[in-house]
Protein backbone atom coordinates (compact mmCIF):
# COMPACT_ATOMS: atom_id res chain seq x y z
CA MET A 1 81.43 96.37 113.12
CA PRO A 2 81.94 99.70 114.89
CA PHE A 3 82.94 102.73 112.85
CA ILE A 4 86.36 102.64 114.54
CA ASP A 5 87.46 99.52 116.32
CA PHE A 6 91.08 99.43 117.42
CA ALA A 7 90.48 97.22 120.44
CA SER A 8 91.20 94.21 118.27
CA PRO A 9 93.37 94.74 115.17
CA ASP A 10 91.81 91.76 113.39
CA LYS A 11 88.57 93.83 113.40
CA LEU A 12 90.29 97.01 112.26
CA SER A 13 87.76 98.54 109.89
CA LEU A 14 88.70 99.73 106.44
CA ILE A 15 87.33 103.17 107.29
CA SER A 16 89.66 103.31 110.28
CA ALA A 17 92.66 102.54 108.05
CA LEU A 18 91.55 105.29 105.69
CA LEU A 19 91.32 107.77 108.58
CA LEU A 20 94.79 106.80 109.77
CA GLY A 21 96.13 107.52 106.30
CA LEU A 22 94.49 110.94 106.37
CA MET A 23 95.70 111.74 109.88
CA GLY A 24 99.23 110.68 108.99
CA SER A 25 99.28 112.84 105.86
CA VAL A 26 101.57 115.33 107.59
CA HIS A 27 104.26 112.67 107.69
CA CYS A 28 103.49 111.58 104.13
CA VAL A 29 104.16 115.07 102.79
CA GLY A 30 107.66 114.94 104.26
CA MET A 31 108.44 111.37 103.24
CA CYS A 32 106.84 111.14 99.80
CA GLY A 33 106.53 114.78 98.75
CA GLY A 34 110.13 114.87 97.55
CA MET A 35 109.64 111.67 95.59
CA ALA A 36 106.49 113.04 93.97
CA GLY A 37 108.37 116.16 92.95
CA ALA A 38 111.31 114.19 91.56
CA LEU A 39 108.99 112.06 89.43
CA SER A 40 106.95 115.03 88.23
CA LEU A 41 109.87 117.25 87.24
CA PRO A 42 110.99 115.20 84.20
CA LEU A 43 107.38 115.14 82.97
CA SER A 44 107.29 118.92 82.75
CA ALA A 45 109.98 118.80 80.04
CA ALA A 46 108.52 115.79 78.25
CA LYS A 47 106.61 116.33 75.03
CA LEU A 48 103.31 115.05 76.35
CA SER A 49 99.83 116.50 76.36
CA SER A 50 98.49 117.92 79.60
CA ARG A 51 95.92 115.14 79.67
CA LYS A 52 98.64 112.48 79.38
CA LYS A 53 100.69 114.09 82.14
CA ILE A 54 97.69 114.08 84.47
CA LEU A 55 97.03 110.42 83.62
CA ILE A 56 100.64 109.50 84.38
CA GLN A 57 100.46 111.35 87.71
CA PHE A 58 97.33 109.37 88.51
CA CYS A 59 99.14 106.12 87.63
CA PHE A 60 101.94 107.01 90.05
CA GLY A 61 99.34 107.10 92.82
CA VAL A 62 97.60 103.91 91.66
CA GLY A 63 100.89 102.04 91.58
CA ARG A 64 101.92 103.26 95.03
CA VAL A 65 98.62 102.30 96.63
CA PHE A 66 98.71 98.90 94.93
CA GLY A 67 102.25 98.46 96.28
CA TYR A 68 100.89 99.05 99.78
CA ALA A 69 98.08 96.55 99.18
CA LEU A 70 100.55 93.95 97.92
CA ALA A 71 102.72 94.44 101.00
CA GLY A 72 99.62 94.10 103.20
CA TYR A 73 98.64 90.89 101.46
CA LEU A 74 102.10 89.40 101.95
CA ALA A 75 102.19 90.50 105.61
CA GLY A 76 98.72 89.12 106.33
CA SER A 77 99.41 85.84 104.53
CA PHE A 78 102.71 85.39 106.36
CA SER A 79 101.07 85.92 109.73
CA TRP A 80 98.26 83.51 108.76
CA LEU A 81 100.87 80.78 108.27
CA LEU A 82 102.60 81.61 111.55
CA LEU A 83 99.30 81.65 113.41
CA LYS A 84 98.56 78.14 112.14
CA MET A 85 101.92 77.02 113.48
CA THR A 86 102.12 78.92 116.78
CA GLY A 87 98.54 79.58 117.91
CA SER A 88 96.99 82.62 119.56
CA GLY A 89 100.08 83.65 121.53
CA PHE A 90 101.71 85.00 118.39
CA ALA A 91 98.58 86.98 117.55
CA VAL A 92 98.61 88.70 120.96
CA ALA A 93 102.29 89.59 120.52
CA LEU A 94 101.54 91.08 117.11
CA ARG A 95 98.67 93.16 118.49
CA ILE A 96 100.82 94.54 121.30
CA THR A 97 103.63 95.32 118.84
CA ALA A 98 101.14 97.07 116.56
CA GLY A 99 99.89 99.16 119.48
CA VAL A 100 103.41 100.14 120.52
CA LEU A 101 104.28 101.18 116.98
CA MET A 102 101.07 103.19 116.80
CA ILE A 103 102.04 105.04 119.98
CA PHE A 104 105.47 105.74 118.48
CA LEU A 105 103.75 107.02 115.35
CA GLY A 106 101.49 109.35 117.34
CA LEU A 107 104.45 110.75 119.27
CA PHE A 108 106.29 111.29 116.01
CA LEU A 109 103.39 113.02 114.25
CA ALA A 110 102.88 115.33 117.22
CA ARG A 111 106.62 116.13 117.15
CA TRP A 112 107.02 114.96 120.75
CA TRP A 113 109.50 112.18 119.94
CA HIS A 114 111.49 111.42 116.80
CA GLY A 115 112.56 107.85 117.47
CA LEU A 116 110.36 106.53 114.68
CA GLY A 117 112.99 107.78 112.24
CA LYS A 118 115.32 105.07 113.54
CA ILE A 119 112.72 102.42 112.70
CA GLU A 120 112.50 103.82 109.18
CA GLN A 121 116.21 103.19 108.77
CA LEU A 122 115.52 99.45 108.93
CA GLY A 123 114.23 99.58 105.38
CA ASP A 124 117.16 101.56 103.94
CA ARG A 125 118.99 98.50 102.63
CA LEU A 126 115.94 97.24 100.76
CA TRP A 127 115.32 100.73 99.35
CA GLN A 128 118.93 100.95 98.13
CA LYS A 129 118.24 97.88 96.00
CA ILE A 130 114.90 99.18 94.72
CA SER A 131 115.75 102.82 93.97
CA PRO A 132 118.10 102.06 91.00
CA ALA A 133 115.14 100.41 89.24
CA ILE A 134 113.16 103.63 89.63
CA LYS A 135 115.99 105.61 88.08
CA LYS A 136 116.01 103.28 85.08
CA LEU A 137 112.27 103.83 84.58
CA THR A 138 112.63 107.62 84.79
CA PRO A 139 111.32 109.61 83.03
CA ALA A 140 108.15 107.60 83.48
CA ASP A 141 106.50 108.93 80.33
CA THR A 142 104.23 105.95 79.69
CA ILE A 143 101.39 104.44 81.71
CA SER A 144 103.23 101.14 82.22
CA LYS A 145 106.35 102.93 83.49
CA ALA A 146 104.28 105.14 85.79
CA LEU A 147 102.49 102.14 87.31
CA SER A 148 105.80 100.31 87.78
CA VAL A 149 107.46 103.33 89.40
CA GLY A 150 104.46 103.81 91.68
CA LEU A 151 104.58 100.15 92.70
CA LEU A 152 108.25 100.48 93.66
CA TRP A 153 107.59 103.82 95.35
CA GLY A 154 105.27 102.02 97.76
CA TRP A 155 108.34 100.36 99.31
CA LEU A 156 109.95 103.65 100.36
CA PRO A 157 111.11 103.28 104.01
CA CYS A 158 108.41 104.76 106.23
CA GLY A 159 107.72 104.15 109.90
CA MET A 160 104.05 104.88 109.37
CA VAL A 161 103.80 102.21 106.69
CA TYR A 162 105.63 99.77 108.94
CA SER A 163 103.13 100.43 111.71
CA MET A 164 100.23 99.70 109.38
CA LEU A 165 101.94 96.57 108.07
CA VAL A 166 102.08 95.21 111.62
CA PHE A 167 98.32 95.86 111.85
CA SER A 168 97.94 93.97 108.58
CA MET A 169 99.90 91.08 110.05
CA ALA A 170 97.75 91.18 113.18
CA SER A 171 94.68 90.65 110.99
CA GLY A 172 95.92 87.13 110.26
CA SER A 173 94.51 87.28 106.74
CA GLY A 174 96.09 88.11 103.41
CA ILE A 175 92.86 89.61 102.03
CA GLN A 176 92.15 91.69 105.10
CA GLY A 177 95.78 92.79 105.28
CA ALA A 178 95.61 93.93 101.65
CA GLY A 179 92.35 95.79 102.36
CA ILE A 180 93.82 97.59 105.36
CA MET A 181 96.86 98.76 103.40
CA LEU A 182 94.75 99.68 100.38
CA MET A 183 92.52 101.99 102.41
CA PHE A 184 95.50 103.40 104.27
CA GLY A 185 97.17 104.19 100.94
CA LEU A 186 94.03 105.88 99.64
CA GLY A 187 94.00 108.06 102.76
CA THR A 188 97.50 109.35 101.92
CA VAL A 189 96.72 110.15 98.28
CA PRO A 190 95.48 113.77 98.71
CA ALA A 191 98.62 114.78 100.62
CA VAL A 192 101.12 113.03 98.38
CA MET A 193 99.63 113.81 94.98
CA GLY A 194 98.28 117.28 95.87
CA LEU A 195 94.77 116.74 94.55
CA GLY A 196 93.39 120.22 94.02
CA MET A 197 92.38 123.17 96.18
CA VAL A 198 90.50 121.10 98.77
CA ALA A 199 93.58 118.95 99.35
CA ASP A 200 95.78 122.06 99.69
CA LYS A 201 93.47 123.53 102.33
CA ALA A 202 93.35 120.21 104.16
CA MET A 203 97.14 120.00 104.15
CA ASN A 204 97.42 123.54 105.53
CA LEU A 205 95.15 122.48 108.36
CA LEU A 206 97.13 119.30 109.00
CA GLN A 207 100.40 121.23 109.12
CA HIS A 208 99.10 123.39 111.99
CA LYS A 209 100.74 122.70 115.35
CA TYR A 210 97.45 122.09 117.14
CA ALA A 211 96.25 119.73 114.41
CA LYS A 212 99.45 117.70 114.73
CA ASN A 213 98.97 117.50 118.49
CA ILE A 214 95.33 116.43 118.14
CA PHE A 215 95.96 113.77 115.48
CA GLY A 216 99.07 112.55 117.27
CA SER A 217 97.12 112.21 120.52
CA MET A 218 94.33 110.32 118.74
CA ILE A 219 96.77 107.82 117.25
CA ILE A 220 98.46 107.37 120.64
CA PHE A 221 95.04 106.65 122.13
CA PHE A 222 94.29 104.09 119.41
CA GLY A 223 97.65 102.43 120.08
CA ALA A 224 97.01 102.23 123.82
CA TRP A 225 93.52 100.89 123.13
CA THR A 226 94.98 98.21 120.89
CA ILE A 227 97.44 97.10 123.59
CA TRP A 228 94.69 97.07 126.22
CA GLY A 229 92.43 95.01 123.98
CA ALA A 230 95.21 92.51 123.22
CA ILE A 231 96.07 92.05 126.91
CA GLY A 232 92.38 91.75 127.81
CA ALA A 233 91.83 89.11 125.12
CA SER A 234 94.87 87.19 126.32
CA LEU A 235 93.67 87.18 129.94
CA HIS A 236 90.19 86.13 128.83
CA HIS A 237 91.54 83.17 126.89
CA GLY A 238 93.85 82.32 129.78
CA HIS A 239 90.95 82.10 132.21
CA GLY A 240 88.99 80.09 129.70
């Protein structure tokens, strides 16, 4: 498998998903940074050891990434069922949709177009039902609470996550969908959780205008490549 293969989303490598998470970290800081701060603030007043606070912060991240993986598994399993019922035509449609969303994501990250925010609004109703549960678990001063809050946090409305979920669906496999979302989530961890000096320097680089333009352009290219690959595969099967 190539190091990066976006020509066919069902061959999307785990390393590629990780890189997308890293490249999209600029967006993650804006979307999840506030949530991370809101969860961390009550811990500062809690009577816990520094070691316990660090462990709880780690559990927030573990829960969030596992929430992404669970969503990827559900998306991949759902598409597997639909593919069995509808055939390859549905797979091509999913791949094209994934490519279009990836182009939208690249435009958004480069600050050339902000329409992706409207897509994020689609998940507001679900989030309104989930967020009260987070409030009940706050302050998350135990490991079990921290894992639960992190799991719910993974469902925060995010156009970038939605784009990756479509890729997970295009994989046509629950396991592969979970793997894609798992690696994507790991790629966002340094930005969201602020892991040390190296992460801070990386985030400063990612926040630079030219870095946003470069990463946005790369994601747009990957999206266009995905669409081209899907159309090419469809024509190939049609001739066959």
